[in-house]
């Protein structure tokens, strides 16, 4: 006989968050989207409207909080972000530390973006989007 361990934790609310437009920002890590406790991030996108030109720019999208060590490329590595190519990029399981989702079960968190212009001649303009749901 099977033992029932059904859940009563459901969600029918989806939130789409958008960061501010980041325009030729300095080399740094920026906190861009707040994520509440009990939220499950389902997808993250990077929209580069003006690509970086020349040099070796780096953009990674990660997270911090949840009582854990921050992961600067937790959602998107530079290989997926491709800062020298304009367009919409989607987080994917591309490396051992990059994933498209994250559950913030121990506490709230933030989505971060880390930028290093790598000596470019033209710095880019971009925004980050995230879809998440709070599960209660």
N, C-alpha and C. Protein backbone atom coordinates (compact mmCIF):
# COMPACT_ATOMS: atom_id res chain seq x y z
N UNK A 1 0.84 -1.19 0.00
CA UNK A 1 0.00 0.00 0.00
C UNK A 1 0.88 1.24 0.00
N UNK A 2 0.58 2.18 -0.85
CA UNK A 2 1.34 3.43 -0.94
C UNK A 2 0.91 4.39 0.16
N UNK A 3 1.86 5.16 0.65
CA UNK A 3 1.58 6.19 1.64
C UNK A 3 1.36 7.51 0.93
N UNK A 4 0.26 8.18 1.24
CA UNK A 4 -0.06 9.45 0.61
C UNK A 4 0.75 10.58 1.23
N UNK A 5 1.42 11.34 0.41
CA UNK A 5 2.15 12.54 0.84
C UNK A 5 1.83 13.69 -0.12
N UNK A 6 0.56 13.91 -0.35
CA UNK A 6 0.14 14.96 -1.28
C UNK A 6 0.56 16.33 -0.77
N UNK A 7 0.71 17.26 -1.70
CA UNK A 7 1.07 18.62 -1.34
C UNK A 7 -0.15 19.53 -1.40
N UNK A 8 -0.10 20.59 -0.63
CA UNK A 8 -1.10 21.64 -0.69
C UNK A 8 -0.45 22.96 -1.11
N UNK A 9 0.76 22.87 -1.65
CA UNK A 9 1.49 24.06 -2.10
C UNK A 9 1.34 24.20 -3.61
N UNK A 10 0.51 25.15 -4.02
CA UNK A 10 0.25 25.37 -5.42
C UNK A 10 0.39 26.86 -5.74
N UNK A 11 0.53 27.17 -7.00
CA UNK A 11 0.58 28.56 -7.43
C UNK A 11 -0.09 28.69 -8.79
N UNK A 12 -0.84 29.74 -8.95
CA UNK A 12 -1.41 30.04 -10.26
C UNK A 12 -1.10 31.49 -10.64
N UNK A 13 -0.08 32.03 -9.99
CA UNK A 13 0.33 33.40 -10.24
C UNK A 13 1.71 33.40 -10.92
N UNK A 14 1.81 34.06 -12.03
CA UNK A 14 3.09 34.19 -12.71
C UNK A 14 3.42 35.66 -12.81
N UNK A 15 4.65 35.99 -12.51
CA UNK A 15 5.07 37.38 -12.57
C UNK A 15 6.21 37.52 -13.57
N UNK A 16 6.09 38.49 -14.41
CA UNK A 16 7.14 38.81 -15.36
C UNK A 16 7.78 40.11 -14.89
N UNK A 17 9.05 40.05 -14.57
CA UNK A 17 9.77 41.23 -14.08
C UNK A 17 10.76 41.71 -15.14
N UNK A 18 10.96 43.02 -15.19
CA UNK A 18 11.90 43.63 -16.12
C UNK A 18 12.85 44.51 -15.34
N UNK A 19 14.14 44.40 -15.64
CA UNK A 19 15.11 45.26 -14.99
C UNK A 19 15.06 46.65 -15.61
N UNK A 20 15.76 47.58 -15.00
CA UNK A 20 15.95 48.88 -15.64
C UNK A 20 16.81 48.66 -16.88
N UNK A 21 16.78 49.60 -17.79
CA UNK A 21 17.66 49.54 -18.96
C UNK A 21 19.07 49.88 -18.50
N UNK A 22 19.99 48.98 -18.78
CA UNK A 22 21.39 49.20 -18.40
C UNK A 22 22.11 49.72 -19.64
N UNK A 23 22.57 50.95 -19.55
CA UNK A 23 23.15 51.65 -20.69
C UNK A 23 24.60 52.01 -20.40
N UNK A 24 25.53 51.31 -21.03
CA UNK A 24 26.96 51.58 -20.88
C UNK A 24 27.36 51.66 -19.41
N UNK A 25 26.96 50.66 -18.63
CA UNK A 25 27.25 50.66 -17.19
C UNK A 25 28.73 50.36 -16.93
N UNK A 26 29.20 50.78 -15.77
CA UNK A 26 30.57 50.51 -15.36
C UNK A 26 30.75 49.03 -15.05
N UNK A 27 31.99 48.57 -15.03
CA UNK A 27 32.29 47.19 -14.66
C UNK A 27 31.91 46.98 -13.20
N UNK A 28 30.96 46.08 -12.95
CA UNK A 28 30.49 45.85 -11.59
C UNK A 28 29.45 44.74 -11.62
N UNK A 29 28.97 44.37 -10.43
CA UNK A 29 27.83 43.48 -10.30
C UNK A 29 26.66 44.32 -9.81
N UNK A 30 25.52 44.19 -10.49
CA UNK A 30 24.34 44.99 -10.19
C UNK A 30 23.19 44.10 -9.73
N UNK A 31 22.51 44.50 -8.66
CA UNK A 31 21.29 43.84 -8.21
C UNK A 31 20.15 44.43 -9.02
N UNK A 32 19.45 43.58 -9.80
CA UNK A 32 18.50 44.16 -10.76
C UNK A 32 17.04 43.76 -10.54
N UNK A 33 16.76 42.56 -9.99
CA UNK A 33 15.37 42.14 -9.79
C UNK A 33 15.27 41.44 -8.43
N UNK A 34 14.35 41.91 -7.58
CA UNK A 34 14.12 41.27 -6.28
C UNK A 34 13.24 40.03 -6.47
N UNK A 35 13.59 38.97 -5.76
CA UNK A 35 12.81 37.73 -5.82
C UNK A 35 12.35 37.40 -4.39
N UNK A 36 11.05 37.23 -4.17
CA UNK A 36 10.57 36.94 -2.81
C UNK A 36 10.83 35.50 -2.38
N UNK A 37 10.77 35.29 -1.08
CA UNK A 37 10.88 33.93 -0.53
C UNK A 37 9.74 33.08 -1.08
N UNK A 38 10.01 31.82 -1.30
CA UNK A 38 9.06 30.84 -1.85
C UNK A 38 8.79 31.06 -3.33
N UNK A 39 9.64 31.80 -4.01
CA UNK A 39 9.46 32.01 -5.45
C UNK A 39 10.31 31.02 -6.22
N UNK A 40 9.77 30.57 -7.33
CA UNK A 40 10.49 29.70 -8.25
C UNK A 40 10.69 30.48 -9.55
N UNK A 41 11.96 30.78 -9.84
CA UNK A 41 12.28 31.47 -11.09
C UNK A 41 12.26 30.43 -12.20
N UNK A 42 11.44 30.66 -13.21
CA UNK A 42 11.27 29.67 -14.28
C UNK A 42 12.05 29.99 -15.55
N UNK A 43 12.32 31.26 -15.77
CA UNK A 43 13.00 31.63 -17.01
C UNK A 43 13.64 33.00 -16.86
N UNK A 44 14.77 33.18 -17.53
CA UNK A 44 15.48 34.46 -17.53
C UNK A 44 15.92 34.75 -18.97
N UNK A 45 15.71 35.99 -19.40
CA UNK A 45 16.12 36.42 -20.74
C UNK A 45 16.98 37.67 -20.64
N UNK A 46 17.84 37.83 -21.61
CA UNK A 46 18.66 39.02 -21.76
C UNK A 46 18.37 39.60 -23.14
N UNK A 47 17.93 40.86 -23.19
CA UNK A 47 17.67 41.53 -24.46
C UNK A 47 18.73 42.60 -24.66
N UNK A 48 19.63 42.37 -25.60
CA UNK A 48 20.67 43.35 -25.93
C UNK A 48 20.17 44.15 -27.12
N UNK A 49 19.90 45.45 -26.89
CA UNK A 49 19.41 46.30 -27.98
C UNK A 49 20.55 46.97 -28.73
N UNK A 50 21.64 47.24 -28.04
CA UNK A 50 22.85 47.75 -28.67
C UNK A 50 24.00 46.86 -28.22
N UNK A 51 24.62 46.18 -29.17
CA UNK A 51 25.69 45.24 -28.85
C UNK A 51 26.98 45.98 -28.50
N UNK A 52 27.81 45.33 -27.70
CA UNK A 52 29.15 45.82 -27.43
C UNK A 52 29.98 45.59 -28.70
N UNK A 53 30.91 46.50 -28.99
CA UNK A 53 31.73 46.28 -30.18
C UNK A 53 33.21 46.28 -29.83
N UNK A 54 33.94 45.40 -30.49
CA UNK A 54 35.37 45.19 -30.27
C UNK A 54 35.63 44.72 -28.83
N UNK A 55 36.87 44.57 -28.46
CA UNK A 55 37.21 44.14 -27.11
C UNK A 55 36.68 42.75 -26.78
N UNK A 56 36.67 42.43 -25.51
CA UNK A 56 36.20 41.13 -25.01
C UNK A 56 35.24 41.33 -23.85
N UNK A 57 34.02 41.81 -24.11
CA UNK A 57 33.07 42.08 -23.03
C UNK A 57 32.54 40.79 -22.40
N UNK A 58 32.16 40.91 -21.13
CA UNK A 58 31.57 39.78 -20.41
C UNK A 58 30.30 40.26 -19.71
N UNK A 59 29.23 39.50 -19.92
CA UNK A 59 27.98 39.71 -19.18
C UNK A 59 27.54 38.35 -18.67
N UNK A 60 27.29 38.26 -17.37
CA UNK A 60 26.71 37.05 -16.79
C UNK A 60 25.51 37.45 -15.95
N UNK A 61 24.54 36.55 -15.87
CA UNK A 61 23.35 36.80 -15.04
C UNK A 61 23.29 35.71 -14.00
N UNK A 62 23.20 36.12 -12.75
CA UNK A 62 23.19 35.15 -11.65
C UNK A 62 22.20 35.53 -10.58
N UNK A 63 22.47 35.02 -9.39
CA UNK A 63 21.57 35.28 -8.28
C UNK A 63 22.35 35.33 -6.98
N UNK A 64 21.72 35.93 -5.97
CA UNK A 64 22.25 35.98 -4.61
C UNK A 64 21.08 35.87 -3.67
N UNK A 65 21.37 35.54 -2.42
CA UNK A 65 20.32 35.41 -1.42
C UNK A 65 19.98 33.97 -1.15
N UNK A 66 18.81 33.73 -0.57
CA UNK A 66 18.33 32.39 -0.23
C UNK A 66 19.23 31.72 0.80
N UNK A 67 20.04 32.50 1.52
CA UNK A 67 20.94 31.95 2.52
C UNK A 67 22.09 31.15 1.93
N UNK A 68 22.40 31.38 0.66
CA UNK A 68 23.45 30.64 -0.04
C UNK A 68 24.51 31.60 -0.57
N UNK A 69 25.61 31.04 -1.01
CA UNK A 69 26.66 31.82 -1.65
C UNK A 69 26.17 32.28 -3.02
N UNK A 70 26.43 33.52 -3.37
CA UNK A 70 26.01 34.06 -4.66
C UNK A 70 26.66 33.29 -5.81
N UNK A 71 25.92 33.17 -6.91
CA UNK A 71 26.41 32.49 -8.11
C UNK A 71 26.30 33.50 -9.26
N UNK A 72 27.41 34.16 -9.62
CA UNK A 72 27.36 35.24 -10.62
C UNK A 72 26.87 34.82 -12.00
N UNK A 73 27.05 33.57 -12.38
CA UNK A 73 26.57 33.09 -13.69
C UNK A 73 25.53 31.99 -13.49
N UNK A 74 24.77 32.07 -12.42
CA UNK A 74 23.81 31.03 -12.08
C UNK A 74 22.69 30.84 -13.09
N UNK A 75 22.33 31.91 -13.81
CA UNK A 75 21.29 31.80 -14.83
C UNK A 75 21.85 31.82 -16.25
N UNK A 76 22.85 32.65 -16.49
CA UNK A 76 23.35 32.77 -17.87
C UNK A 76 24.84 33.06 -17.87
N UNK A 77 25.58 32.25 -18.59
CA UNK A 77 27.01 32.46 -18.75
C UNK A 77 27.27 33.42 -19.90
N UNK A 78 28.48 33.89 -20.01
CA UNK A 78 28.86 34.81 -21.08
C UNK A 78 28.73 34.16 -22.46
N UNK A 79 28.93 32.84 -22.52
CA UNK A 79 28.81 32.13 -23.81
C UNK A 79 27.39 32.20 -24.36
N UNK A 80 26.40 32.28 -23.51
CA UNK A 80 25.01 32.42 -23.94
C UNK A 80 24.65 33.90 -24.12
N UNK A 81 25.14 34.76 -23.23
CA UNK A 81 24.83 36.20 -23.30
C UNK A 81 25.35 36.85 -24.58
N UNK A 82 26.49 36.42 -25.07
CA UNK A 82 27.08 36.97 -26.31
C UNK A 82 26.91 38.49 -26.40
N UNK A 83 27.61 39.27 -25.56
CA UNK A 83 27.40 40.71 -25.54
C UNK A 83 27.72 41.44 -26.83
N UNK A 84 28.47 40.81 -27.73
CA UNK A 84 28.79 41.47 -29.01
C UNK A 84 27.74 41.22 -30.08
N UNK A 85 26.65 40.53 -29.71
CA UNK A 85 25.57 40.23 -30.66
C UNK A 85 24.25 40.73 -30.07
N UNK A 86 23.59 41.64 -30.78
CA UNK A 86 22.30 42.14 -30.33
C UNK A 86 21.24 41.06 -30.48
N UNK A 87 20.21 41.13 -29.64
CA UNK A 87 19.11 40.19 -29.73
C UNK A 87 18.69 39.66 -28.38
N UNK A 88 17.72 38.76 -28.40
CA UNK A 88 17.15 38.17 -27.20
C UNK A 88 17.80 36.82 -26.94
N UNK A 89 18.36 36.66 -25.75
CA UNK A 89 19.02 35.42 -25.36
C UNK A 89 18.28 34.83 -24.17
N UNK A 90 18.18 33.52 -24.11
CA UNK A 90 17.43 32.84 -23.06
C UNK A 90 18.35 31.98 -22.22
N UNK A 91 18.16 32.01 -20.89
CA UNK A 91 18.96 31.18 -19.99
C UNK A 91 18.74 29.71 -20.34
N UNK A 92 19.79 28.94 -20.24
CA UNK A 92 19.71 27.51 -20.52
C UNK A 92 20.77 26.79 -19.70
N UNK A 93 20.65 25.51 -19.61
CA UNK A 93 21.64 24.72 -18.88
C UNK A 93 22.85 24.55 -19.79
N UNK A 94 23.73 25.55 -19.75
CA UNK A 94 24.85 25.58 -20.69
C UNK A 94 26.19 25.22 -20.07
N UNK A 95 26.32 25.34 -18.77
CA UNK A 95 27.55 24.98 -18.08
C UNK A 95 27.17 24.30 -16.78
N UNK A 96 28.14 23.94 -15.99
CA UNK A 96 27.86 23.26 -14.73
C UNK A 96 27.19 24.17 -13.70
N UNK A 97 27.29 25.50 -13.88
CA UNK A 97 26.67 26.41 -12.91
C UNK A 97 25.52 27.22 -13.47
N UNK A 98 25.25 27.18 -14.76
CA UNK A 98 24.18 27.97 -15.36
C UNK A 98 22.91 27.14 -15.55
N UNK A 99 21.81 27.68 -15.05
CA UNK A 99 20.52 26.99 -15.17
C UNK A 99 19.43 28.01 -15.47
N UNK A 100 18.34 27.55 -16.01
CA UNK A 100 17.22 28.44 -16.31
C UNK A 100 16.29 28.66 -15.13
N UNK A 101 16.38 27.87 -14.06
CA UNK A 101 15.48 28.01 -12.93
C UNK A 101 16.19 27.99 -11.59
N UNK A 102 15.48 28.48 -10.55
CA UNK A 102 16.01 28.49 -9.18
C UNK A 102 14.86 28.67 -8.22
N UNK A 103 14.85 27.86 -7.15
CA UNK A 103 13.82 27.96 -6.11
C UNK A 103 14.41 28.70 -4.91
N UNK A 104 13.78 29.79 -4.52
CA UNK A 104 14.21 30.57 -3.36
C UNK A 104 13.36 30.15 -2.16
N UNK A 105 13.69 29.01 -1.56
CA UNK A 105 12.89 28.43 -0.50
C UNK A 105 13.31 28.86 0.90
N UNK A 106 14.55 29.25 1.11
CA UNK A 106 15.03 29.60 2.44
C UNK A 106 14.93 31.08 2.76
N UNK A 107 14.82 31.90 1.74
CA UNK A 107 14.74 33.33 1.94
C UNK A 107 14.61 34.04 0.61
N UNK A 108 14.41 35.36 0.66
CA UNK A 108 14.32 36.10 -0.60
C UNK A 108 15.68 36.17 -1.28
N UNK A 109 15.68 36.62 -2.52
CA UNK A 109 16.93 36.73 -3.25
C UNK A 109 16.86 37.85 -4.26
N UNK A 110 17.90 37.91 -5.07
CA UNK A 110 17.97 38.90 -6.13
C UNK A 110 18.59 38.27 -7.36
N UNK A 111 18.17 38.77 -8.50
CA UNK A 111 18.83 38.42 -9.75
C UNK A 111 19.88 39.50 -9.98
N UNK A 112 21.07 39.07 -10.34
CA UNK A 112 22.19 39.99 -10.53
C UNK A 112 22.70 39.92 -11.96
N UNK A 113 23.35 40.97 -12.39
CA UNK A 113 24.06 40.96 -13.66
C UNK A 113 25.46 41.49 -13.39
N UNK A 114 26.46 40.78 -13.91
CA UNK A 114 27.84 41.19 -13.77
C UNK A 114 28.36 41.60 -15.14
N UNK A 115 28.98 42.77 -15.19
CA UNK A 115 29.44 43.34 -16.46
C UNK A 115 30.92 43.66 -16.38
N UNK A 116 31.65 43.30 -17.42
CA UNK A 116 33.05 43.71 -17.62
C UNK A 116 33.16 44.08 -19.09
N UNK A 117 33.42 45.36 -19.37
CA UNK A 117 33.40 45.79 -20.78
C UNK A 117 34.56 45.25 -21.60
N UNK A 118 35.60 44.75 -20.98
CA UNK A 118 36.69 44.12 -21.71
C UNK A 118 37.36 45.01 -22.73
N UNK A 119 37.39 46.31 -22.48
CA UNK A 119 38.06 47.23 -23.38
C UNK A 119 37.35 47.49 -24.69
N UNK A 120 36.03 47.46 -24.69
CA UNK A 120 35.27 47.66 -25.92
C UNK A 120 35.33 49.12 -26.38
N UNK A 121 35.04 49.34 -27.65
CA UNK A 121 34.98 50.71 -28.17
C UNK A 121 33.58 51.29 -28.03
N UNK A 122 32.56 50.44 -28.08
CA UNK A 122 31.17 50.87 -27.85
C UNK A 122 30.55 49.95 -26.82
N UNK A 123 30.05 50.54 -25.73
CA UNK A 123 29.41 49.74 -24.68
C UNK A 123 27.94 49.54 -25.02
N UNK A 124 27.41 48.41 -24.58
CA UNK A 124 26.06 48.01 -24.96
C UNK A 124 24.95 48.56 -24.09
N UNK A 125 23.73 48.29 -24.57
CA UNK A 125 22.50 48.64 -23.86
C UNK A 125 21.66 47.38 -23.79
N UNK A 126 21.17 47.03 -22.57
CA UNK A 126 20.41 45.80 -22.44
C UNK A 126 19.47 45.86 -21.25
N UNK A 127 18.50 44.93 -21.24
CA UNK A 127 17.58 44.73 -20.12
C UNK A 127 17.50 43.23 -19.85
N UNK A 128 17.07 42.90 -18.64
CA UNK A 128 16.92 41.49 -18.23
C UNK A 128 15.46 41.29 -17.83
N UNK A 129 14.90 40.15 -18.24
CA UNK A 129 13.54 39.77 -17.87
C UNK A 129 13.59 38.45 -17.09
N UNK A 130 12.65 38.27 -16.19
CA UNK A 130 12.54 37.02 -15.45
C UNK A 130 11.08 36.68 -15.20
N UNK A 131 10.74 35.40 -15.34
CA UNK A 131 9.40 34.92 -15.01
C UNK A 131 9.53 34.08 -13.75
N UNK A 132 8.70 34.40 -12.76
CA UNK A 132 8.71 33.59 -11.53
C UNK A 132 7.31 33.48 -10.96
N UNK A 133 7.17 32.51 -10.08
CA UNK A 133 5.90 32.28 -9.41
C UNK A 133 6.16 32.07 -7.92
N UNK A 134 5.31 32.64 -7.09
CA UNK A 134 5.42 32.43 -5.64
C UNK A 134 4.50 31.28 -5.27
N UNK A 135 5.08 30.26 -4.63
CA UNK A 135 4.34 29.05 -4.27
C UNK A 135 4.08 29.07 -2.76
N UNK A 136 2.83 29.09 -2.39
CA UNK A 136 2.48 29.13 -0.96
C UNK A 136 1.78 27.86 -0.54
